Amino acid sequence: MPIKKTIIPVLLFTVMVSCLGTPKIKFDSVTHDFGKQRPNVEKKYVFTFLNNGDGTLRIKDIKAG
């Protein structure tokens, strides 16, 4: 009986930890050069990325460089 009481919590803990996973962000490109621009002309560029990890990727903050 004591062995069953020990094994069940250990198995539950192992399953819970394995479900958490680790996120891993992968960008297609990390820089973009707009070249020479005229003043007051808005330009846009989209950075694409994938989560190559096995956990949930959460983006909390984005800042321009």
C-alpha atoms as a PDB file:
ATOM      1  CA  MET A   1       0.000   0.000   0.000  1.00  0.00           C
ATOM      2  CA  PRO A   2       2.689   2.634   0.827  1.00  0.00           C
ATOM      3  CA  ILE A   3       4.319   2.113  -2.573  1.00  0.00           C
ATOM      4  CA  LYS A   4       1.066   2.946  -4.412  1.00  0.00           C
ATOM      5  CA  LYS A   5       0.670   6.112  -2.358  1.00  0.00           C
ATOM      6  CA  THR A   6       4.170   7.176  -3.415  1.00  0.00           C
ATOM      7  CA  ILE A   7       4.026   6.183  -7.077  1.00  0.00           C
ATOM      8  CA  ILE A   8       0.767   7.946  -7.939  1.00  0.00           C
ATOM      9  CA  PRO A   9       1.928  11.468  -6.913  1.00  0.00           C
ATOM     10  CA  VAL A  10       5.263  10.933  -8.678  1.00  0.00           C
ATOM     11  CA  LEU A  11       3.518   9.871 -11.884  1.00  0.00           C
ATOM     12  CA  LEU A  12       1.107  12.820 -11.723  1.00  0.00           C
ATOM     13  CA  PHE A  13       3.988  15.240 -11.211  1.00  0.00           C
ATOM     14  CA  THR A  14       5.898  13.752 -14.162  1.00  0.00           C
ATOM     15  CA  VAL A  15       2.885  14.064 -16.464  1.00  0.00           C
ATOM     16  CA  MET A  16       2.228  17.663 -15.376  1.00  0.00           C
ATOM     17  CA  VAL A  17       5.846  18.737 -15.940  1.00  0.00           C
ATOM     18  CA  SER A  18       6.028  17.061 -19.350  1.00  0.00           C
ATOM     19  CA  CYS A  19       2.879  18.928 -20.458  1.00  0.00           C
ATOM     20  CA  LEU A  20       4.395  22.334 -19.728  1.00  0.00           C
ATOM     21  CA  GLY A  21       6.970  22.216 -22.533  1.00  0.00           C
ATOM     22  CA  THR A  22       9.357  24.971 -23.571  1.00  0.00           C
ATOM     23  CA  PRO A  23       8.582  27.682 -26.142  1.00  0.00           C
ATOM     24  CA  LYS A  24      11.216  28.525 -28.765  1.00  0.00           C
ATOM     25  CA  ILE A  25      10.732  31.524 -31.055  1.00  0.00           C
ATOM     26  CA  LYS A  26      12.181  31.417 -34.592  1.00  0.00           C
ATOM     27  CA  PHE A  27      12.131  34.542 -36.792  1.00  0.00           C
ATOM     28  CA  ASP A  28      12.387  34.433 -40.596  1.00  0.00           C
ATOM     29  CA  SER A  29      14.417  37.659 -40.376  1.00  0.00           C
ATOM     30  CA  VAL A  30      15.460  39.745 -37.368  1.00  0.00           C
ATOM     31  CA  THR A  31      16.331  42.958 -39.260  1.00  0.00           C
ATOM     32  CA  HIS A  32      14.887  45.010 -42.107  1.00  0.00           C
ATOM     33  CA  ASP A  33      16.477  47.953 -43.936  1.00  0.00           C
ATOM     34  CA  PHE A  34      13.977  50.449 -45.340  1.00  0.00           C
ATOM     35  CA  GLY A  35      16.755  52.217 -47.220  1.00  0.00           C
ATOM     36  CA  LYS A  36      16.568  55.932 -47.924  1.00  0.00           C
ATOM     37  CA  GLN A  37      13.166  57.394 -47.047  1.00  0.00           C
ATOM     38  CA  ARG A  38      11.451  60.705 -47.562  1.00  0.00           C
ATOM     39  CA  PRO A  39      10.256  62.503 -44.417  1.00  0.00           C
ATOM     40  CA  ASN A  40       6.697  61.905 -43.187  1.00  0.00           C
ATOM     41  CA  VAL A  41       6.160  58.787 -45.321  1.00  0.00           C
ATOM     42  CA  GLU A  42       4.911  55.800 -43.354  1.00  0.00           C
ATOM     43  CA  LYS A  43       6.481  52.443 -44.188  1.00  0.00           C
ATOM     44  CA  LYS A  44       5.552  49.071 -42.757  1.00  0.00           C
ATOM     45  CA  TYR A  45       7.241  45.708 -42.479  1.00  0.00           C
ATOM     46  CA  VAL A  46       5.949  42.494 -40.922  1.00  0.00           C
ATOM     47  CA  PHE A  47       8.302  40.227 -39.018  1.00  0.00           C
ATOM     48  CA  THR A  48       7.080  36.649 -39.197  1.00  0.00           C
ATOM     49  CA  PHE A  49       7.936  34.031 -36.620  1.00  0.00           C
ATOM     50  CA  LEU A  50       7.043  30.535 -35.481  1.00  0.00           C
ATOM     51  CA  ASN A  51       7.001  28.782 -32.158  1.00  0.00           C
ATOM     52  CA  ASN A  52       9.310  25.817 -32.769  1.00  0.00           C
ATOM     53  CA  GLY A  53       9.047  24.684 -29.154  1.00  0.00           C
ATOM     54  CA  ASP A  54       6.579  22.401 -27.478  1.00  0.00           C
ATOM     55  CA  GLY A  55       5.255  24.952 -24.981  1.00  0.00           C
ATOM     56  CA  THR A  56       3.016  28.000 -25.275  1.00  0.00           C
ATOM     57  CA  LEU A  57       4.848  31.089 -26.540  1.00  0.00           C
ATOM     58  CA  ARG A  58       3.651  34.250 -24.785  1.00  0.00           C
ATOM     59  CA  ILE A  59       4.788  37.638 -26.050  1.00  0.00           C
ATOM     60  CA  LYS A  60       4.555  40.171 -23.254  1.00  0.00           C
ATOM     61  CA  ASP A  61       6.281  43.231 -24.708  1.00  0.00           C
ATOM     62  CA  ILE A  62       7.470  44.516 -28.079  1.00  0.00           C
ATOM     63  CA  LYS A  63       9.956  47.366 -28.499  1.00  0.00           C
ATOM     64  CA  ALA A  64      11.494  49.020 -31.533  1.00  0.00           C
ATOM     65  CA  GLY A  65      15.274  48.800 -31.721  1.00  0.00           C
END
